[in-house]
Protein backbone atom coordinates (compact mmCIF):
# COMPACT_ATOMS: atom_id res chain seq x y z
CA UNK A 1 103.19 89.09 83.93
CA UNK A 2 100.98 90.37 81.12
CA UNK A 3 98.43 93.14 81.57
CA UNK A 4 95.93 93.04 78.74
CA UNK A 5 92.89 94.95 77.49
CA UNK A 6 94.27 98.14 79.03
CA UNK A 7 94.08 101.77 77.98
CA UNK A 8 97.80 102.56 78.11
CA UNK A 9 98.88 106.13 78.85
CA UNK A 10 102.60 105.87 78.14
CA UNK A 11 103.58 109.48 78.99
CA UNK A 12 106.73 108.91 76.95
CA UNK A 13 108.12 111.55 74.59
CA UNK A 14 105.18 110.97 72.26
CA UNK A 15 102.61 110.72 75.09
CA UNK A 16 101.01 107.82 73.25
CA UNK A 17 97.63 106.46 74.29
CA UNK A 18 97.08 102.84 73.23
CA UNK A 19 93.33 102.41 73.53
CA UNK A 20 93.33 98.63 73.82
CA UNK A 21 96.78 97.46 74.71
CA UNK A 22 98.99 95.08 76.62
CA UNK A 23 102.20 95.27 78.66
CA UNK A 24 104.61 92.38 79.12
CA UNK A 25 106.67 92.45 82.32
CA UNK A 26 109.57 90.21 83.31
CA UNK A 27 112.43 90.50 85.78
CA UNK A 28 111.01 93.69 87.22
CA UNK A 29 111.18 95.49 83.87
CA UNK A 30 108.78 96.40 81.09
CA UNK A 31 109.88 94.15 78.23
CA UNK A 32 107.38 95.24 75.59
CA UNK A 33 103.97 96.78 75.07
CA UNK A 34 101.58 97.10 72.19
CA UNK A 35 98.03 96.95 70.90
CA UNK A 36 95.76 93.97 71.31
CA UNK A 37 95.65 93.95 67.52
CA UNK A 38 99.32 92.91 67.62
CA UNK A 39 100.73 89.59 68.75
CA UNK A 40 101.01 89.37 72.53
CA UNK A 41 103.75 87.38 74.32
CA UNK A 42 102.79 84.07 75.92
CA UNK A 43 103.36 82.92 79.46
CA UNK A 44 103.22 84.36 82.94
CA UNK A 45 100.41 85.72 85.08
CA UNK A 46 97.69 87.44 83.05
CA UNK A 47 95.95 90.50 84.48
CA UNK A 48 92.74 91.57 82.80
CA UNK A 49 92.43 95.37 82.90
CA UNK A 50 88.89 95.47 81.46
CA UNK A 51 89.63 98.64 79.50
CA UNK A 52 90.73 100.62 82.55
CA UNK A 53 93.38 103.36 82.17
CA UNK A 54 96.95 102.34 82.99
CA UNK A 55 99.71 104.79 83.91
CA UNK A 56 103.36 104.64 84.91
CA UNK A 57 103.96 104.78 88.65
CA UNK A 58 103.71 108.36 89.83
CA UNK A 59 106.79 110.33 90.92
CA UNK A 60 106.96 112.92 93.72
CA UNK A 61 110.23 114.78 93.25
CA UNK A 62 110.36 116.53 96.62
CA UNK A 63 109.35 114.93 99.90
CA UNK A 64 110.73 114.24 103.34
CA UNK A 65 109.20 110.76 103.30
CA UNK A 66 110.46 108.61 106.15
CA UNK A 67 112.44 111.48 107.66
CA UNK A 68 109.50 112.91 109.61
CA UNK A 69 107.68 109.95 111.12
CA UNK A 70 103.93 109.46 111.03
CA UNK A 71 102.29 110.54 114.31
CA UNK A 72 105.69 111.14 115.92
CA UNK A 73 107.38 114.28 117.20
CA UNK A 74 111.04 114.48 118.24
CA UNK A 75 111.58 110.71 118.25
CA UNK A 76 110.68 110.53 114.57
CA UNK A 77 111.92 113.92 113.39
CA UNK A 78 115.13 113.15 111.52
CA UNK A 79 114.96 115.67 108.69
CA UNK A 80 116.91 118.60 110.14
CA UNK A 81 120.31 118.34 111.82
CA UNK A 82 120.20 121.99 112.86
CA UNK A 83 123.38 121.94 114.97
CA UNK A 84 125.60 123.17 112.11
CA UNK A 85 124.43 125.25 109.13
CA UNK A 86 126.69 123.44 106.62
CA UNK A 87 125.99 119.69 106.52
CA UNK A 88 126.42 118.31 102.97
CA UNK A 89 127.66 115.00 104.38
CA UNK A 90 124.23 114.04 105.72
CA UNK A 91 122.51 111.28 103.73
CA UNK A 92 118.75 110.95 103.55
CA UNK A 93 119.09 107.16 103.35
CA UNK A 94 120.55 107.16 106.88
CA UNK A 95 117.42 108.78 108.32
CA UNK A 96 114.52 107.50 106.22
CA UNK A 97 112.37 104.78 107.79
CA UNK A 98 110.79 102.64 105.03
CA UNK A 99 108.42 101.05 107.54
CA UNK A 100 106.80 104.42 108.18
CA UNK A 101 103.09 104.13 107.34
CA UNK A 102 103.32 106.84 104.69
CA UNK A 103 105.36 104.57 102.41
CA UNK A 104 102.44 102.14 102.15
CA UNK A 105 99.99 105.04 101.77
CA UNK A 106 102.10 106.40 98.92
CA UNK A 107 102.00 102.97 97.25
CA UNK A 108 98.24 102.67 97.63
CA UNK A 109 97.94 106.04 95.85
CA UNK A 110 100.14 104.85 92.98
CA UNK A 111 103.18 106.93 94.00
CA UNK A 112 105.96 104.42 93.41
CA UNK A 113 108.97 106.77 93.39
CA UNK A 114 109.90 109.72 95.60
CA UNK A 115 112.88 111.90 96.23
CA UNK A 116 113.30 112.16 99.98
CA UNK A 117 115.36 115.06 101.22
CA UNK A 118 116.83 116.55 104.37
CA UNK A 119 114.87 119.59 105.45
CA UNK A 120 115.51 123.25 104.85
CA UNK A 121 116.77 124.40 108.24
CA UNK A 122 120.38 124.46 106.99
CA UNK A 123 121.89 126.47 104.12
CA UNK A 124 123.43 123.16 102.99
CA UNK A 125 121.30 120.35 104.35
CA UNK A 126 122.63 117.11 102.87
CA UNK A 127 122.21 114.48 100.18
CA UNK A 128 118.84 113.70 98.60
CA UNK A 129 117.88 110.13 97.68
CA UNK A 130 115.56 108.88 94.92
CA UNK A 131 113.88 105.76 96.26
CA UNK A 132 111.01 103.41 95.56
CA UNK A 133 108.14 103.39 98.02
CA UNK A 134 107.97 99.58 98.01
CA UNK A 135 110.29 97.61 100.25
CA UNK A 136 111.43 97.09 103.81
CA UNK A 137 115.11 98.02 103.56
CA UNK A 138 116.11 101.41 102.16
CA UNK A 139 119.33 100.06 100.62
CA UNK A 140 117.25 97.87 98.27
CA UNK A 141 114.83 100.70 97.43
CA UNK A 142 117.39 103.18 96.11
CA UNK A 143 117.17 104.37 92.52
CA UNK A 144 119.89 106.98 92.92
CA UNK A 145 121.70 108.23 96.02
CA UNK A 146 122.76 110.90 96.08
CA UNK A 147 120.29 112.27 93.57
CA UNK A 148 121.04 115.86 94.53
CA UNK A 149 122.47 118.11 97.23
CA UNK A 150 119.95 120.13 99.25
CA UNK A 151 120.48 123.87 99.74
CA UNK A 152 118.12 126.33 101.41
CA UNK A 153 117.74 130.10 101.16
CA UNK A 154 115.38 132.54 102.79
CA UNK A 155 113.24 132.30 105.88
CA UNK A 156 113.95 128.77 107.10
CA UNK A 157 117.69 128.97 107.78
CA UNK A 158 117.29 132.58 109.03
CA UNK A 159 114.68 131.65 111.61
CA UNK A 160 116.41 128.42 112.64
CA UNK A 161 119.70 130.07 113.51
CA UNK A 162 118.23 133.31 114.81
CA UNK A 163 116.62 131.20 117.53
CA UNK A 164 120.07 129.82 118.34
CA UNK A 165 121.73 133.25 118.25
CA UNK A 166 124.10 131.89 115.63
CA UNK A 167 124.91 132.75 112.01
CA UNK A 168 123.14 132.91 109.58
CA UNK A 169 120.43 135.34 110.61
CA UNK A 170 120.34 137.22 107.28
CA UNK A 171 120.02 136.23 103.65
CA UNK A 172 123.49 137.67 103.08
CA UNK A 173 125.04 135.36 105.66
CA UNK A 174 123.17 132.34 104.29
CA UNK A 175 124.57 132.96 100.82
CA UNK A 176 128.04 133.69 102.21
CA UNK A 177 128.17 130.41 104.13
CA UNK A 178 127.10 128.51 101.03
CA UNK A 179 129.78 130.24 98.96
CA UNK A 180 132.46 129.51 101.54
CA UNK A 181 131.59 125.80 101.48
CA UNK A 182 131.47 125.73 97.67
CA UNK A 183 134.82 127.51 97.36
CA UNK A 184 136.39 124.90 99.64
CA UNK A 185 134.59 122.11 97.82
CA UNK A 186 135.67 123.32 94.39
CA UNK A 187 139.33 123.52 95.48
CA UNK A 188 139.07 120.02 96.98
CA UNK A 189 137.56 118.75 93.71
CA UNK A 190 140.28 120.36 91.60
CA UNK A 191 143.03 119.05 93.88
CA UNK A 192 141.63 115.51 93.69
CA UNK A 193 141.26 115.76 89.92
CA UNK A 194 144.86 116.95 89.54
CA UNK A 195 146.09 114.10 91.75
CA UNK A 196 144.12 111.56 89.69
CA UNK A 197 145.29 112.84 86.30
CA UNK A 198 148.90 113.63 87.26
CA UNK A 199 149.83 111.75 90.46
CA UNK A 200 153.53 112.45 90.01
CA UNK A 201 153.02 116.21 90.20
CA UNK A 202 150.10 116.47 92.62
CA UNK A 203 149.29 114.92 95.99
CA UNK A 204 145.84 113.84 97.09
CA UNK A 205 144.25 116.52 99.29
CA UNK A 206 143.77 115.71 102.94
CA UNK A 207 140.34 114.15 103.39
CA UNK A 208 137.64 116.63 104.41
CA UNK A 209 134.18 115.15 104.84
CA UNK A 210 132.11 118.18 103.85
CA UNK A 211 134.07 118.93 100.70
CA UNK A 212 134.13 115.24 99.81
CA UNK A 213 130.33 115.14 100.05
CA UNK A 214 130.13 117.95 97.47
CA UNK A 215 132.17 116.06 94.85
CA UNK A 216 129.11 114.68 93.00
CA UNK A 217 127.97 118.27 92.52
CA UNK A 218 131.23 119.43 90.93
CA UNK A 219 131.46 116.26 88.86
CA UNK A 220 127.98 117.11 87.53
CA UNK A 221 126.69 113.74 88.64
CA UNK A 222 123.85 115.42 90.54
CA UNK A 223 122.24 118.88 90.63
CA UNK A 224 121.91 121.30 93.50
CA UNK A 225 118.34 121.47 94.79
CA UNK A 226 117.72 125.01 96.08
CA UNK A 227 114.82 125.52 98.50
CA UNK A 228 113.54 128.99 97.60
CA UNK A 229 110.29 130.91 97.84
CA UNK A 230 110.78 134.66 97.32
CA UNK A 231 111.86 135.99 93.94
CA UNK A 232 115.06 137.49 95.34
CA UNK A 233 116.02 134.10 96.80
CA UNK A 234 115.30 132.46 93.44
CA UNK A 235 117.83 134.75 91.79
CA UNK A 236 120.37 134.26 94.58
CA UNK A 237 120.17 130.54 93.78
CA UNK A 238 120.65 131.28 90.08
CA UNK A 239 123.57 133.58 90.89
CA UNK A 240 125.34 131.01 93.08
CA UNK A 241 124.75 128.20 90.59
CA UNK A 242 126.21 130.32 87.79
CA UNK A 243 129.21 131.37 89.90
CA UNK A 244 130.14 127.73 90.53
CA UNK A 245 128.84 126.26 87.25
CA UNK A 246 126.40 123.96 89.04
CA UNK A 247 123.49 122.10 87.53
CA UNK A 248 120.50 123.12 89.62
CA UNK A 249 116.81 122.67 90.37
CA UNK A 250 114.53 125.16 92.10
CA UNK A 251 112.37 123.62 94.83
CA UNK A 252 109.05 125.34 95.68
CA UNK A 253 109.95 128.59 93.87
CA UNK A 254 106.71 130.12 95.12
CA UNK A 255 107.29 133.46 93.37
CA UNK A 256 108.56 131.93 90.11
CA UNK A 257 105.25 132.49 88.32
CA UNK A 258 105.78 136.24 88.88
CA UNK A 259 109.26 136.24 87.30
CA UNK A 260 109.05 133.45 84.71
CA UNK A 261 110.21 135.86 82.00
CA UNK A 262 113.42 136.51 83.95
CA UNK A 263 114.02 132.76 84.24
CA UNK A 264 113.76 132.24 80.49
CA UNK A 265 117.13 131.20 79.11
CA UNK A 266 118.61 130.30 82.48
CA UNK A 267 120.31 126.91 82.89
CA UNK A 268 117.95 125.49 85.51
CA UNK A 269 116.90 121.89 84.98
CA UNK A 270 113.39 122.64 86.17
CA UNK A 271 111.12 123.73 88.99
CA UNK A 272 109.58 121.42 91.59
CA UNK A 273 106.41 123.42 92.18
CA UNK A 274 104.40 123.19 95.37
CA UNK A 275 103.03 122.34 97.74
CA UNK A 276 99.80 124.06 96.72
CA UNK A 277 97.46 122.38 99.22
CA UNK A 278 98.71 124.21 102.30
CA UNK A 279 98.02 127.51 104.00
CA UNK A 280 100.30 130.52 103.59
CA UNK A 281 101.97 129.76 106.90
CA UNK A 282 104.82 132.26 106.68
CA UNK A 283 105.54 135.61 105.00
CA UNK A 284 107.51 134.24 102.05
CA UNK A 285 104.46 132.19 100.99
CA UNK A 286 102.26 135.25 100.45
CA UNK A 287 102.22 134.73 96.65
CA UNK A 288 101.40 131.02 96.80
CA UNK A 289 98.79 130.03 94.22
CA UNK A 290 97.62 126.80 92.57
CA UNK A 291 97.93 128.65 89.25
CA UNK A 292 101.74 128.59 89.48
CA UNK A 293 102.47 125.16 87.88
CA UNK A 294 100.30 126.01 84.88
CA UNK A 295 101.86 129.44 84.38
CA UNK A 296 105.37 127.99 84.55
CA UNK A 297 104.73 125.06 82.21
CA UNK A 298 102.92 127.24 79.69
CA UNK A 299 105.97 129.47 79.55
CA UNK A 300 108.37 126.67 78.72
CA UNK A 301 109.83 125.92 82.16
CA UNK A 302 109.99 122.18 82.97
CA UNK A 303 107.64 121.92 85.95
CA UNK A 304 106.95 119.05 88.31
CA UNK A 305 104.22 119.03 90.94
CA UNK A 306 105.28 118.05 94.46
CA UNK A 307 103.65 117.49 97.85
CA UNK A 308 106.64 118.38 100.06
CA UNK A 309 105.37 115.55 102.29
CA UNK A 310 104.45 115.87 105.13
CA UNK A 311 103.38 119.45 104.31
CA UNK A 312 100.82 117.81 102.02
CA UNK A 313 100.64 114.04 102.60
CA UNK A 314 102.26 112.16 99.73
CA UNK A 315 99.10 110.21 98.89
CA UNK A 316 97.50 113.46 97.66
CA UNK A 317 99.98 114.02 94.82
CA UNK A 318 97.31 113.39 92.18
CA UNK A 319 94.92 115.70 94.01
CA UNK A 320 97.57 118.43 93.73
CA UNK A 321 97.77 117.76 89.99
CA UNK A 322 93.98 117.94 89.72
CA UNK A 323 93.90 121.30 91.50
CA UNK A 324 96.61 122.58 89.15
CA UNK A 325 94.44 121.57 86.16
CA UNK A 326 91.39 123.24 87.69
CA UNK A 327 93.55 126.35 88.08
CA UNK A 328 94.60 126.44 84.43
CA UNK A 329 97.33 123.85 83.86
CA UNK A 330 97.09 121.75 80.71
CA UNK A 331 95.79 118.30 81.65
CA UNK A 332 98.49 116.37 79.80
CA UNK A 333 101.21 118.58 81.29
CA UNK A 334 99.80 117.96 84.78
CA UNK A 335 99.99 114.20 84.28
CA UNK A 336 103.52 114.57 82.95
CA UNK A 337 104.29 116.78 85.99
CA UNK A 338 103.81 113.76 88.26
CA UNK A 339 105.52 111.21 86.00
CA UNK A 340 108.10 111.83 83.28
CA UNK A 341 108.83 115.51 83.96
CA UNK A 342 110.04 115.02 87.56
CA UNK A 343 111.93 111.92 86.43
CA UNK A 344 113.77 113.97 83.80
CA UNK A 345 114.43 116.93 86.10
CA UNK A 346 115.89 114.59 88.71
CA UNK A 347 117.92 112.44 86.30
CA UNK A 348 116.09 109.16 86.88
CA UNK A 349 114.06 109.01 83.66
CA UNK A 350 116.16 106.06 82.47
CA UNK A 351 114.24 103.97 84.99
CA UNK A 352 110.91 105.58 85.85
CA UNK A 353 108.31 108.08 84.68
CA UNK A 354 106.81 106.44 81.58
CA UNK A 355 105.59 103.15 80.17
CA UNK A 356 108.46 102.15 77.88
CA UNK A 357 110.39 98.98 77.18
CA UNK A 358 113.45 98.74 79.40
CA UNK A 359 112.08 100.82 82.26
CA UNK A 360 111.16 99.60 85.73
CA UNK A 361 107.80 97.87 85.80
CA UNK A 362 106.07 100.49 87.96
CA UNK A 363 102.48 100.43 86.74
CA UNK A 364 99.17 101.74 88.06
CA UNK A 365 95.75 100.54 86.89
CA UNK A 366 93.20 103.25 87.72
CA UNK A 367 89.44 103.00 88.10
CA UNK A 368 89.06 106.03 85.82
CA UNK A 369 90.60 109.45 85.23
CA UNK A 370 93.29 109.86 87.94
CA UNK A 371 92.58 113.60 88.06
CA UNK A 372 89.03 112.87 89.21
CA UNK A 373 89.11 112.62 93.01
CA UNK A 374 86.34 110.00 92.99
CA UNK A 375 88.59 107.54 91.16
CA UNK A 376 91.30 105.41 92.76
CA UNK A 377 94.11 102.99 91.94
CA UNK A 378 92.87 99.43 91.52
CA UNK A 379 96.27 97.79 91.17
CA UNK A 380 99.77 99.10 91.85
CA UNK A 381 102.77 97.20 90.54
CA UNK A 382 106.28 98.21 91.59
CA UNK A 383 109.37 96.56 90.10
CA UNK A 384 107.10 93.98 88.52
CA UNK A 385 105.47 92.93 91.80
CA UNK A 386 101.91 93.59 92.89
CA UNK A 387 102.11 95.88 95.92
CA UNK A 388 98.50 97.04 96.23
CA UNK A 389 95.27 95.54 94.93
CA UNK A 390 91.74 96.88 95.26
CA UNK A 391 89.42 94.58 93.35
CA UNK A 392 90.74 94.79 89.79
């Protein structure tokens, strides 16, 4: 496949814009791209872009896509196993339904990659998966699983277990339960490592499913994703991550724009900011503002914009970015916040997030500026296949 006469917005490290360019796709990958002034490869289907802007497939780094079913209640609610506060062994891929209507709605909006996550009822909620939104079988849609381990602080676990008259009902207990699990997990990791490096001196530890599920965290294969809103919860997440030397990401971080100076120099990989198109439905959201992504990015914190689907439906990811720009975020940073920045924060930028040779051929041809609500995707290509077409 060759897309020609396109205005290419690469959103790579140089954020190049090729005013009149082409992209050559083969085997589901971007093979090469360049200007129409340069020689273009021969062969394959030719798509005429007519000068329209072309972007990489958009990335939503925090959703519960497929875990809370469209138009369903209990039968389709598979995001929170709130029978035990510590559940790192849960896998999002075992609950996500790729035939849920929202997957196709994400595709039609140009959102080709999401991270889908267990919910925030539990202090440790399970394993996050980075998946494509195109496909019928989740196993074939995976980019990385696990892509992170979900933790939650603050109001959600407190209220969940208060209703059950079970611990945790305070922030102290939430943090204590997380620490207890991480202490066990770290010992399990060290025991396994000793047995692998010196099997004559050390025995393999007895298998323990929860500690085993935390191994990718201690091996630094994935980060911890901490659901936090209030500033004090943000710094509890930082404190725990530092205690256990974890790579970590802050999810929501509603108060982060109030304490960005205190976050300067911390080891966090980035903030997944949002959702911003919701009401302030609970006390810890009192400082929610669409200005937050702009404030954070302007102060040097890698910031992605998220929908937290279904809190804001996934197809409105670009609308969230547009509102962030209207509220002061730099336009280029907002576009990066739904493409390459979330890909980098989540460790999947080797495959998605920009138009570059070697990356997955996830490509969106837009009718105009994607931050203008009156524009729309005309063609969405995922893994080199046309998945949505609206009169290119």
